[in-house]
Protein backbone atom coordinates (compact mmCIF):
# COMPACT_ATOMS: atom_id res chain seq x y z
CA MET A 1 -26.22 26.42 3.78
CA ASN A 2 -29.97 26.10 3.42
CA ARG A 3 -31.98 22.90 3.65
CA GLU A 4 -32.26 22.41 -0.08
CA MET A 5 -28.51 22.64 -0.60
CA ARG A 6 -27.87 20.27 2.32
CA ARG A 7 -30.35 17.74 0.92
CA MET A 8 -28.75 18.01 -2.51
CA ALA A 9 -25.31 17.38 -1.00
CA GLU A 10 -26.63 14.36 0.91
CA ARG A 11 -28.21 12.95 -2.26
CA GLU A 12 -24.94 13.42 -4.10
CA GLU A 13 -23.03 11.60 -1.37
CA ARG A 14 -25.49 8.69 -1.47
CA ARG A 15 -25.27 8.57 -5.26
CA ASN A 16 -21.47 8.50 -5.10
CA LYS A 17 -21.52 5.70 -2.52
CA GLN A 18 -23.93 3.62 -4.62
CA GLN A 19 -22.05 4.03 -7.87
CA GLY A 20 -18.57 3.94 -6.39
CA ASP A 21 -15.85 6.14 -7.72
CA ARG A 22 -15.82 5.39 -11.44
CA ARG A 23 -13.25 8.02 -12.21
CA ARG A 24 -9.87 6.57 -13.00
CA SER A 25 -6.77 8.64 -13.17
CA PRO A 26 -4.63 7.91 -16.20
CA ILE A 27 -1.67 5.70 -15.38
CA ALA A 28 1.64 6.42 -17.07
CA GLY A 29 2.11 3.97 -19.90
CA ALA A 30 -1.54 2.94 -19.99
CA PRO A 31 -3.36 3.22 -23.32
CA GLY A 32 -5.01 6.58 -23.64
CA GLY A 33 -3.13 8.04 -20.68
CA ASP A 34 -0.75 10.03 -22.85
CA GLY A 35 -3.28 12.26 -24.65
CA SER A 36 -3.93 9.80 -27.45
CA VAL A 37 -7.20 9.67 -29.33
CA ALA A 38 -8.66 6.99 -27.04
CA GLY A 39 -7.79 9.11 -23.99
CA ARG A 40 -9.40 12.16 -25.52
CA TRP A 41 -12.59 10.28 -26.37
CA GLY A 42 -12.70 8.87 -22.87
CA ARG A 43 -12.31 12.32 -21.37
CA LEU A 44 -15.00 13.67 -23.72
CA VAL A 45 -17.42 10.92 -22.70
CA GLN A 46 -16.66 11.54 -19.03
CA PHE A 47 -17.17 15.28 -19.51
CA LEU A 48 -20.54 14.73 -21.22
CA ARG A 49 -21.65 12.42 -18.40
CA GLU A 50 -20.70 15.03 -15.82
CA VAL A 51 -22.57 17.70 -17.80
CA ARG A 52 -25.65 15.49 -17.79
CA VAL A 53 -25.41 15.04 -14.01
CA GLU A 54 -24.98 18.79 -13.48
CA LEU A 55 -27.95 19.60 -15.71
CA SER A 56 -30.10 17.17 -13.72
CA ARG A 57 -29.31 19.25 -10.61
CA VAL A 58 -30.37 22.56 -12.18
CA ASN A 59 -33.48 24.09 -10.70
CA TRP A 60 -35.23 25.06 -13.94
CA PRO A 61 -37.80 27.88 -13.84
CA ASN A 62 -41.44 27.04 -14.45
CA ARG A 63 -43.55 28.61 -17.20
CA ARG A 64 -44.82 31.49 -15.05
CA GLN A 65 -41.30 32.43 -13.93
CA MET A 66 -40.04 32.23 -17.50
CA ILE A 67 -42.75 34.60 -18.72
CA ALA A 68 -41.93 37.04 -15.89
CA PHE A 69 -38.18 36.92 -16.61
CA THR A 70 -38.73 37.38 -20.34
CA THR A 71 -41.09 40.32 -19.76
CA VAL A 72 -38.59 42.05 -17.48
CA THR A 73 -35.79 41.46 -19.99
CA VAL A 74 -37.79 42.82 -22.96
CA ILE A 75 -38.96 45.90 -21.04
CA THR A 76 -35.46 46.64 -19.71
CA THR A 77 -33.95 46.22 -23.16
CA GLY A 78 -36.54 48.55 -24.68
CA VAL A 79 -36.01 51.25 -22.06
CA LEU A 80 -32.23 51.10 -22.38
CA THR A 81 -32.43 51.13 -26.17
CA GLY A 82 -34.65 54.21 -26.07
CA TYR A 83 -32.30 55.95 -23.62
CA VAL A 84 -29.22 55.24 -25.74
CA PHE A 85 -31.10 56.39 -28.86
CA LEU A 86 -32.07 59.70 -27.24
CA VAL A 87 -28.57 60.34 -25.89
CA ASP A 88 -27.07 59.53 -29.29
CA LEU A 89 -29.57 61.80 -31.05
CA ALA A 90 -28.90 64.68 -28.65
CA LEU A 91 -25.13 64.33 -28.91
CA SER A 92 -25.12 64.04 -32.69
CA ARG A 93 -27.34 67.12 -33.08
CA SER A 94 -25.23 69.13 -30.65
CA VAL A 95 -22.01 68.16 -32.42
CA LEU A 96 -23.51 69.01 -35.82
CA ALA A 97 -24.81 72.34 -34.48
CA GLY A 98 -21.33 73.10 -33.11
CA ILE A 99 -19.72 72.27 -36.45
CA ARG A 100 -22.24 74.49 -38.33
CA ALA A 101 -21.58 77.35 -35.91
CA LEU A 102 -17.83 77.10 -36.43
CA THR A 103 -18.00 76.81 -40.23
CA GLY A 104 -20.45 79.56 -40.60
């Protein structure tokens, strides 16, 4: 585990200690604990909060990295598209030439 991951884990532990465990498990017979609409909305809200927390942890690329990644992706896509086009062209012409040779 590198330093950055260790620091992130420590920050998460501190955050959990400060906020306390707000997650509540549904109790049998409690409103919303049986899959009712209120329970579903509660789970949806909890899910969206957790998504927000996870997205705050993401290490987003900066502008320079994004340009580099996009350039690599566009070039790779172009090369692979050209390769597939040439293979398709060669195969289709060879199949058509074979059909013409057989039919005369």
